N, C-alpha and C. Protein backbone atom coordinates (compact mmCIF):
# COMPACT_ATOMS: atom_id res chain seq x y z
N MET A 1 124.10 -1.65 319.64
CA MET A 1 122.93 -2.29 320.15
C MET A 1 123.21 -2.83 321.54
N LYS A 2 122.36 -2.56 322.48
CA LYS A 2 122.53 -2.97 323.87
C LYS A 2 122.16 -4.44 324.04
N LYS A 3 122.97 -5.15 324.85
CA LYS A 3 122.71 -6.56 325.11
C LYS A 3 121.59 -6.69 326.15
N SER A 4 120.81 -7.75 325.99
CA SER A 4 119.74 -8.02 326.95
C SER A 4 120.34 -8.63 328.22
N LYS A 5 119.57 -8.64 329.29
CA LYS A 5 120.02 -9.23 330.54
C LYS A 5 120.33 -10.70 330.38
N SER A 6 119.54 -11.40 329.59
CA SER A 6 119.78 -12.84 329.40
C SER A 6 121.09 -13.08 328.65
N GLU A 7 121.42 -12.22 327.69
CA GLU A 7 122.69 -12.36 326.98
C GLU A 7 123.88 -12.12 327.91
N ILE A 8 123.77 -11.13 328.77
CA ILE A 8 124.83 -10.83 329.73
C ILE A 8 124.98 -12.00 330.69
N TYR A 9 123.87 -12.54 331.16
CA TYR A 9 123.85 -13.69 332.08
C TYR A 9 124.52 -14.89 331.41
N LEU A 10 124.16 -15.19 330.17
CA LEU A 10 124.73 -16.33 329.46
C LEU A 10 126.23 -16.16 329.23
N GLU A 11 126.65 -14.95 328.86
CA GLU A 11 128.08 -14.69 328.63
C GLU A 11 128.88 -14.85 329.93
N ALA A 12 128.35 -14.35 331.03
CA ALA A 12 129.04 -14.46 332.31
C ALA A 12 129.13 -15.93 332.75
N SER A 13 128.06 -16.69 332.53
CA SER A 13 128.07 -18.11 332.87
C SER A 13 129.08 -18.87 332.02
N LEU A 14 129.07 -18.60 330.73
CA LEU A 14 130.00 -19.26 329.81
C LEU A 14 131.44 -18.89 330.15
N ASP A 15 131.67 -17.64 330.52
CA ASP A 15 133.01 -17.20 330.89
C ASP A 15 133.50 -17.95 332.13
N SER A 16 132.62 -18.15 333.09
CA SER A 16 132.99 -18.87 334.31
C SER A 16 133.36 -20.32 334.00
N VAL A 17 132.55 -20.97 333.19
CA VAL A 17 132.82 -22.38 332.83
C VAL A 17 134.09 -22.47 331.99
N SER A 18 134.27 -21.56 331.05
CA SER A 18 135.47 -21.56 330.20
C SER A 18 136.73 -21.33 331.03
N SER A 19 136.66 -20.43 331.99
CA SER A 19 137.81 -20.17 332.86
C SER A 19 138.15 -21.41 333.69
N TYR A 20 137.14 -22.14 334.11
CA TYR A 20 137.36 -23.38 334.85
C TYR A 20 138.03 -24.42 333.94
N ILE A 21 137.56 -24.55 332.72
CA ILE A 21 138.12 -25.51 331.77
C ILE A 21 139.58 -25.21 331.48
N ARG A 22 139.92 -23.93 331.33
CA ARG A 22 141.30 -23.52 331.04
C ARG A 22 142.20 -23.59 332.26
N GLY A 23 141.61 -23.77 333.45
CA GLY A 23 142.40 -23.85 334.66
C GLY A 23 142.64 -22.52 335.33
N GLU A 24 141.96 -21.49 334.88
CA GLU A 24 142.10 -20.17 335.48
C GLU A 24 141.34 -20.05 336.79
N LEU A 25 140.32 -20.90 336.97
CA LEU A 25 139.54 -20.95 338.20
C LEU A 25 139.55 -22.38 338.72
N ASN A 26 139.60 -22.54 340.04
CA ASN A 26 139.44 -23.88 340.58
C ASN A 26 137.94 -24.14 340.75
N LEU A 27 137.60 -25.35 341.19
CA LEU A 27 136.19 -25.75 341.30
C LEU A 27 135.42 -24.82 342.23
N GLU A 28 136.00 -24.52 343.38
CA GLU A 28 135.31 -23.69 344.36
C GLU A 28 135.03 -22.28 343.81
N GLU A 29 136.01 -21.70 343.13
CA GLU A 29 135.84 -20.36 342.57
C GLU A 29 134.79 -20.34 341.47
N ALA A 30 134.81 -21.35 340.61
CA ALA A 30 133.84 -21.41 339.52
C ALA A 30 132.43 -21.59 340.05
N VAL A 31 132.27 -22.46 341.05
CA VAL A 31 130.94 -22.69 341.64
C VAL A 31 130.44 -21.40 342.29
N GLU A 32 131.33 -20.71 342.98
CA GLU A 32 130.94 -19.45 343.64
C GLU A 32 130.45 -18.43 342.61
N ARG A 33 131.18 -18.30 341.51
CA ARG A 33 130.77 -17.35 340.46
C ARG A 33 129.43 -17.75 339.86
N LEU A 34 129.24 -19.04 339.62
CA LEU A 34 127.97 -19.49 339.05
C LEU A 34 126.82 -19.30 340.03
N GLU A 35 127.08 -19.50 341.32
CA GLU A 35 126.05 -19.26 342.33
C GLU A 35 125.65 -17.78 342.36
N GLN A 36 126.62 -16.90 342.24
CA GLN A 36 126.34 -15.47 342.22
C GLN A 36 125.46 -15.09 341.03
N LEU A 37 125.57 -15.86 339.97
CA LEU A 37 124.74 -15.61 338.79
C LEU A 37 123.36 -16.24 338.91
N GLY A 38 123.15 -17.04 339.98
CA GLY A 38 121.84 -17.63 340.21
C GLY A 38 121.72 -19.11 339.93
N HIS A 39 122.83 -19.76 339.61
CA HIS A 39 122.80 -21.20 339.36
C HIS A 39 122.72 -21.96 340.67
N ASN A 40 122.14 -23.14 340.63
CA ASN A 40 122.05 -24.04 341.78
C ASN A 40 123.44 -24.61 342.05
N LYS A 41 123.87 -24.58 343.33
CA LYS A 41 125.21 -25.05 343.69
C LYS A 41 125.44 -26.51 343.32
N LYS A 42 124.49 -27.37 343.66
CA LYS A 42 124.63 -28.80 343.39
C LYS A 42 124.77 -29.06 341.88
N SER A 43 123.96 -28.40 341.08
CA SER A 43 124.02 -28.58 339.63
C SER A 43 125.33 -28.05 339.06
N ALA A 44 125.78 -26.91 339.56
CA ALA A 44 127.03 -26.32 339.08
C ALA A 44 128.20 -27.25 339.36
N ILE A 45 128.24 -27.82 340.57
CA ILE A 45 129.31 -28.75 340.93
C ILE A 45 129.30 -29.97 340.02
N LYS A 46 128.12 -30.54 339.79
CA LYS A 46 128.01 -31.72 338.94
C LYS A 46 128.49 -31.44 337.51
N VAL A 47 128.03 -30.33 336.96
CA VAL A 47 128.43 -29.98 335.58
C VAL A 47 129.93 -29.76 335.49
N LEU A 48 130.48 -29.01 336.44
CA LEU A 48 131.91 -28.72 336.40
C LEU A 48 132.75 -29.96 336.61
N LYS A 49 132.36 -30.84 337.53
CA LYS A 49 133.13 -32.07 337.77
C LYS A 49 133.09 -33.00 336.57
N ASP A 50 131.99 -32.97 335.81
CA ASP A 50 131.86 -33.82 334.63
C ASP A 50 132.51 -33.22 333.39
N THR A 51 133.04 -32.01 333.52
CA THR A 51 133.62 -31.29 332.39
C THR A 51 135.11 -31.59 332.28
N HIS A 52 135.56 -31.92 331.08
CA HIS A 52 136.98 -32.17 330.83
C HIS A 52 137.75 -30.85 330.92
N ARG A 53 138.85 -30.86 331.67
CA ARG A 53 139.67 -29.66 331.82
C ARG A 53 140.93 -29.81 330.98
N ASN A 54 141.36 -28.72 330.37
CA ASN A 54 142.53 -28.74 329.49
C ASN A 54 143.85 -28.85 330.24
N ASN A 55 143.87 -28.49 331.51
CA ASN A 55 145.13 -28.48 332.24
C ASN A 55 145.29 -29.66 333.19
N VAL A 56 144.45 -30.68 333.07
CA VAL A 56 144.52 -31.84 333.95
C VAL A 56 145.01 -33.03 333.13
N PHE A 57 146.03 -33.71 333.63
CA PHE A 57 146.62 -34.83 332.92
C PHE A 57 146.43 -36.10 333.72
N SER A 58 146.24 -37.21 333.02
CA SER A 58 146.15 -38.52 333.65
C SER A 58 147.51 -39.18 333.56
N PHE A 59 147.98 -39.70 334.67
CA PHE A 59 149.26 -40.38 334.70
C PHE A 59 149.02 -41.86 334.95
N GLN A 60 149.77 -42.68 334.22
CA GLN A 60 149.69 -44.11 334.45
C GLN A 60 150.51 -44.42 335.70
N THR A 61 149.96 -45.23 336.57
CA THR A 61 150.69 -45.58 337.78
C THR A 61 151.54 -46.81 337.52
N LYS A 62 152.70 -46.82 338.12
CA LYS A 62 153.59 -47.96 338.00
C LYS A 62 153.78 -48.57 339.38
N SER A 63 154.23 -49.79 339.39
CA SER A 63 154.49 -50.47 340.66
C SER A 63 155.57 -49.73 341.43
N ARG A 64 155.45 -49.77 342.74
CA ARG A 64 156.45 -49.12 343.59
C ARG A 64 157.69 -50.00 343.71
N LEU A 65 158.80 -49.38 344.02
CA LEU A 65 160.03 -50.13 344.23
C LEU A 65 159.84 -51.10 345.38
N GLY A 66 160.32 -52.28 345.23
CA GLY A 66 160.22 -53.28 346.29
C GLY A 66 158.90 -54.04 346.29
N ASP A 67 157.99 -53.72 345.39
CA ASP A 67 156.70 -54.41 345.31
C ASP A 67 156.95 -55.75 344.64
N SER A 68 156.64 -56.84 345.31
CA SER A 68 156.93 -58.17 344.79
C SER A 68 156.07 -58.53 343.58
N THR A 69 155.01 -57.78 343.32
CA THR A 69 154.16 -58.08 342.17
C THR A 69 154.63 -57.35 340.92
N SER A 70 155.67 -56.58 341.05
CA SER A 70 156.18 -55.79 339.93
C SER A 70 156.76 -56.71 338.86
N GLU A 71 156.40 -56.45 337.62
CA GLU A 71 156.93 -57.23 336.50
C GLU A 71 158.26 -56.65 336.02
N GLU A 72 158.56 -55.45 336.43
CA GLU A 72 159.75 -54.76 335.97
C GLU A 72 160.89 -55.00 336.96
N ASP A 73 162.08 -55.35 336.44
CA ASP A 73 163.25 -55.55 337.30
C ASP A 73 163.87 -54.19 337.55
N VAL A 74 163.79 -53.73 338.79
CA VAL A 74 164.30 -52.41 339.11
C VAL A 74 165.50 -52.50 340.05
N GLY A 75 166.06 -53.69 340.23
CA GLY A 75 167.19 -53.87 341.14
C GLY A 75 168.47 -53.33 340.54
N ASP A 76 169.52 -53.30 341.37
CA ASP A 76 170.82 -52.83 340.91
C ASP A 76 171.39 -53.83 339.91
N GLU A 77 172.07 -53.30 338.94
CA GLU A 77 172.68 -54.14 337.92
C GLU A 77 173.96 -54.76 338.50
N GLN A 78 174.12 -56.07 338.35
CA GLN A 78 175.30 -56.74 338.87
C GLN A 78 176.32 -56.90 337.76
N THR A 79 177.55 -56.62 338.08
CA THR A 79 178.63 -56.79 337.10
C THR A 79 179.64 -57.77 337.65
N ASP A 80 180.25 -58.58 336.80
CA ASP A 80 181.27 -59.56 337.23
C ASP A 80 182.63 -59.10 336.85
């Protein structure tokens, strides 16, 4: 059974978004592919930026060395 144009369009759009989520495409590449399919650039960017990506990690920031507000003692250990 032959797929309709709308099914092909939906599959191509979903593939572009899925590839972005997996990290196979960056934001610019995914937006470009979605634009080629007829999506609005502004909407595509918003949707993709609001989408959780599997390959992006959040890191907790720690105080820098020498920062006087640091609660952690990072100086050299003194021995007697």
